[in-house]
C-alpha atoms as a PDB file:
ATOM      1  CA  MET A   1      22.547 -48.593 -48.896  1.00  0.00           C
ATOM      2  CA  PRO A   2      21.331 -46.612 -51.866  1.00  0.00           C
ATOM      3  CA  PHE A   3      21.861 -43.063 -50.495  1.00  0.00           C
ATOM      4  CA  THR A   4      25.195 -41.689 -49.296  1.00  0.00           C
ATOM      5  CA  ILE A   5      26.457 -38.370 -47.973  1.00  0.00           C
ATOM      6  CA  ARG A   6      30.079 -37.426 -48.603  1.00  0.00           C
ATOM      7  CA  ALA A   7      32.038 -34.549 -47.081  1.00  0.00           C
ATOM      8  CA  HIS A   8      34.787 -32.919 -49.147  1.00  0.00           C
ATOM      9  CA  ASP A   9      37.838 -31.132 -47.772  1.00  0.00           C
ATOM     10  CA  GLY A  10      41.317 -30.204 -48.976  1.00  0.00           C
ATOM     11  CA  TRP A  11      42.515 -33.825 -48.697  1.00  0.00           C
ATOM     12  CA  GLY A  12      39.673 -35.547 -50.558  1.00  0.00           C
ATOM     13  CA  SER A  13      36.280 -36.918 -49.633  1.00  0.00           C
ATOM     14  CA  VAL A  14      34.902 -39.223 -46.974  1.00  0.00           C
ATOM     15  CA  THR A  15      31.553 -40.935 -46.559  1.00  0.00           C
ATOM     16  CA  VAL A  16      29.681 -39.366 -43.655  1.00  0.00           C
ATOM     17  CA  GLY A  17      26.707 -41.715 -43.731  1.00  0.00           C
ATOM     18  CA  SER A  18      24.642 -44.168 -45.746  1.00  0.00           C
ATOM     19  CA  PHE A  19      20.855 -44.367 -45.680  1.00  0.00           C
ATOM     20  CA  GLN A  20      18.084 -46.654 -46.898  1.00  0.00           C
ATOM     21  CA  THR A  21      15.599 -43.926 -47.805  1.00  0.00           C
ATOM     22  CA  LEU A  22      15.876 -40.577 -49.523  1.00  0.00           C
ATOM     23  CA  GLU A  23      13.931 -38.954 -46.678  1.00  0.00           C
ATOM     24  CA  GLU A  24      16.502 -40.103 -44.088  1.00  0.00           C
ATOM     25  CA  ALA A  25      19.359 -38.960 -46.316  1.00  0.00           C
ATOM     26  CA  ARG A  26      17.811 -35.527 -46.919  1.00  0.00           C
ATOM     27  CA  GLN A  27      17.201 -35.031 -43.180  1.00  0.00           C
ATOM     28  CA  ALA A  28      20.829 -35.871 -42.390  1.00  0.00           C
ATOM     29  CA  PHE A  29      22.058 -33.645 -45.250  1.00  0.00           C
ATOM     30  CA  ALA A  30      20.020 -30.702 -43.914  1.00  0.00           C
ATOM     31  CA  SER A  31      21.327 -31.312 -40.384  1.00  0.00           C
ATOM     32  CA  LEU A  32      24.935 -31.291 -41.593  1.00  0.00           C
ATOM     33  CA  ARG A  33      24.359 -28.087 -43.559  1.00  0.00           C
ATOM     34  CA  ALA A  34      23.101 -26.441 -40.356  1.00  0.00           C
ATOM     35  CA  ASP A  35      25.902 -27.856 -38.159  1.00  0.00           C
ATOM     36  CA  PRO A  36      28.263 -25.029 -37.134  1.00  0.00           C
ATOM     37  CA  TRP A  37      31.270 -27.383 -37.051  1.00  0.00           C
ATOM     38  CA  TYR A  38      30.940 -28.144 -40.767  1.00  0.00           C
ATOM     39  CA  VAL A  39      30.233 -24.543 -41.721  1.00  0.00           C
ATOM     40  CA  LYS A  40      32.894 -22.862 -39.543  1.00  0.00           C
ATOM     41  CA  ASP A  41      35.556 -25.589 -39.451  1.00  0.00           C
ATOM     42  CA  GLY A  42      37.545 -23.945 -42.232  1.00  0.00           C
ATOM     43  CA  GLY A  43      38.670 -27.264 -43.703  1.00  0.00           C
ATOM     44  CA  MET A  44      35.354 -28.520 -44.989  1.00  0.00           C
ATOM     45  CA  ARG A  45      34.551 -27.421 -48.517  1.00  0.00           C
ATOM     46  CA  ALA A  46      31.368 -29.226 -49.547  1.00  0.00           C
ATOM     47  CA  LEU A  47      28.727 -31.827 -48.807  1.00  0.00           C
ATOM     48  CA  GLU A  48      27.295 -34.131 -51.464  1.00  0.00           C
ATOM     49  CA  LEU A  49      24.203 -36.359 -51.469  1.00  0.00           C
ATOM     50  CA  LEU A  50      24.464 -39.344 -53.813  1.00  0.00           C
ATOM     51  CA  HIS A  51      22.099 -42.050 -55.030  1.00  0.00           C
ATOM     52  CA  GLN A  52      23.798 -45.356 -55.877  1.00  0.00           C
ATOM     53  CA  GLN A  53      21.913 -47.545 -58.311  1.00  0.00           C
ATOM     54  CA  ALA A  54      22.898 -51.186 -58.657  1.00  0.00           C
ATOM     55  CA  GLY A  55      25.759 -51.601 -61.097  1.00  0.00           C
ATOM     56  CA  GLY A  56      25.957 -47.927 -62.049  1.00  0.00           C
ATOM     57  CA  MET A  57      27.798 -44.775 -61.187  1.00  0.00           C
ATOM     58  CA  PRO A  58      26.422 -42.749 -58.269  1.00  0.00           C
ATOM     59  CA  GLU A  59      24.093 -39.915 -59.232  1.00  0.00           C
ATOM     60  CA  ARG A  60      24.476 -36.599 -57.395  1.00  0.00           C
ATOM     61  CA  LEU A  61      21.149 -35.474 -55.947  1.00  0.00           C
ATOM     62  CA  ASP A  62      22.358 -32.456 -54.004  1.00  0.00           C
ATOM     63  CA  TRP A  63      25.524 -30.417 -53.425  1.00  0.00           C
ATOM     64  CA  TYR A  64      26.282 -27.816 -50.784  1.00  0.00           C
ATOM     65  CA  SER A  65      29.365 -25.640 -51.116  1.00  0.00           C
ATOM     66  CA  ILE A  66      30.580 -24.420 -47.736  1.00  0.00           C
ATOM     67  CA  ARG A  67      33.012 -21.844 -49.077  1.00  0.00           C
END
């Protein structure tokens, strides 16, 4: 899947979801930003939206710092 959302915390990062279209990825990213668990958890530090092109490094499309 070409679009991925990662969550970052004090231990590293984890993939939250992968999406076929940018529209789906942006909707999920916005939903996570508005989710009180992510914002008030205390452990979460950031969310990142990435675009993975074949054979290349992922390109960051969006970043949301929770702290």
